[in-house]
N, C-alpha and C. Protein backbone atom coordinates (compact mmCIF):
# COMPACT_ATOMS: atom_id res chain seq x y z
N MET A 1 196.81 268.86 280.49
CA MET A 1 196.75 268.39 281.88
C MET A 1 197.83 269.08 282.71
N THR A 2 197.49 269.29 283.95
CA THR A 2 198.46 269.90 284.86
C THR A 2 199.44 268.85 285.36
N GLY A 3 200.52 269.29 285.96
CA GLY A 3 201.53 268.35 286.47
C GLY A 3 200.95 267.43 287.53
N SER A 4 200.08 267.99 288.39
CA SER A 4 199.51 267.17 289.46
C SER A 4 198.58 266.11 288.89
N ALA A 5 197.86 266.43 287.83
CA ALA A 5 196.95 265.45 287.22
C ALA A 5 197.76 264.31 286.60
N ILE A 6 198.87 264.65 285.97
CA ILE A 6 199.73 263.62 285.37
C ILE A 6 200.31 262.73 286.48
N ALA A 7 200.72 263.36 287.57
CA ALA A 7 201.29 262.60 288.69
C ALA A 7 200.26 261.63 289.26
N MET A 8 199.02 262.10 289.41
CA MET A 8 197.95 261.25 289.94
C MET A 8 197.69 260.07 289.00
N PHE A 9 197.71 260.36 287.68
CA PHE A 9 197.48 259.30 286.69
C PHE A 9 198.58 258.25 286.76
N VAL A 10 199.83 258.71 286.87
CA VAL A 10 200.97 257.79 286.94
C VAL A 10 200.89 256.92 288.19
N VAL A 11 200.58 257.56 289.32
CA VAL A 11 200.47 256.81 290.58
C VAL A 11 199.37 255.76 290.47
N GLY A 12 198.23 256.14 289.92
CA GLY A 12 197.12 255.20 289.76
C GLY A 12 197.51 254.04 288.86
N ALA A 13 198.20 254.34 287.76
CA ALA A 13 198.61 253.30 286.82
C ALA A 13 199.58 252.32 287.49
N VAL A 14 200.52 252.86 288.27
CA VAL A 14 201.50 252.01 288.95
C VAL A 14 200.80 251.08 289.94
N ILE A 15 199.83 251.62 290.68
CA ILE A 15 199.10 250.80 291.66
C ILE A 15 198.32 249.70 290.95
N ILE A 16 197.64 250.05 289.85
CA ILE A 16 196.83 249.07 289.11
C ILE A 16 197.72 247.97 288.53
N TRP A 17 198.82 248.38 287.83
CA TRP A 17 199.70 247.40 287.21
C TRP A 17 200.42 246.57 288.26
N GLY A 18 200.75 247.20 289.40
CA GLY A 18 201.40 246.45 290.48
C GLY A 18 200.47 245.37 291.01
N GLY A 19 199.19 245.73 291.15
CA GLY A 19 198.20 244.76 291.64
C GLY A 19 198.03 243.61 290.66
N LEU A 20 197.99 243.94 289.37
CA LEU A 20 197.83 242.90 288.36
C LEU A 20 199.03 241.97 288.36
N ALA A 21 200.23 242.55 288.41
CA ALA A 21 201.45 241.75 288.40
C ALA A 21 201.49 240.82 289.60
N THR A 22 201.08 241.34 290.76
CA THR A 22 201.07 240.52 291.98
C THR A 22 200.08 239.36 291.84
N SER A 23 198.89 239.66 291.30
CA SER A 23 197.87 238.62 291.13
C SER A 23 198.34 237.54 290.16
N ILE A 24 198.95 237.97 289.05
CA ILE A 24 199.42 237.01 288.05
C ILE A 24 200.53 236.14 288.63
N THR A 25 201.48 236.78 289.33
CA THR A 25 202.59 236.04 289.92
C THR A 25 202.08 235.04 290.94
N TYR A 26 201.11 235.47 291.77
CA TYR A 26 200.53 234.59 292.79
C TYR A 26 199.85 233.39 292.12
N ALA A 27 199.13 233.65 291.03
CA ALA A 27 198.43 232.57 290.33
C ALA A 27 199.42 231.57 289.74
N ILE A 28 200.52 232.08 289.17
CA ILE A 28 201.53 231.19 288.57
C ILE A 28 202.19 230.34 289.66
N VAL A 29 202.55 230.97 290.77
CA VAL A 29 203.18 230.23 291.87
C VAL A 29 202.23 229.17 292.42
N LYS A 30 200.98 229.54 292.59
CA LYS A 30 199.98 228.61 293.12
C LYS A 30 199.79 227.43 292.17
N ALA A 31 199.78 227.70 290.86
CA ALA A 31 199.59 226.64 289.87
C ALA A 31 200.80 225.72 289.81
N SER A 32 202.00 226.29 289.95
CA SER A 32 203.21 225.49 289.82
C SER A 32 203.46 224.61 291.04
N LYS A 33 202.77 224.92 292.14
CA LYS A 33 202.97 224.11 293.36
C LYS A 33 202.10 222.87 293.38
N LYS A 34 201.16 222.76 292.44
CA LYS A 34 200.28 221.59 292.43
C LYS A 34 201.02 220.34 291.98
C-alpha cells in the first residue's frame, strides 16, 4: 500500500471508532440518567 492509502485507512478508522465511542458514551449517559 502507498502512504496515501494508509493515511486514508487510518483516517477512516479514526472516524468510525470515534463515532462508535460517541454512540456508546451517549447510550451509557442516557441510561444512567433514568
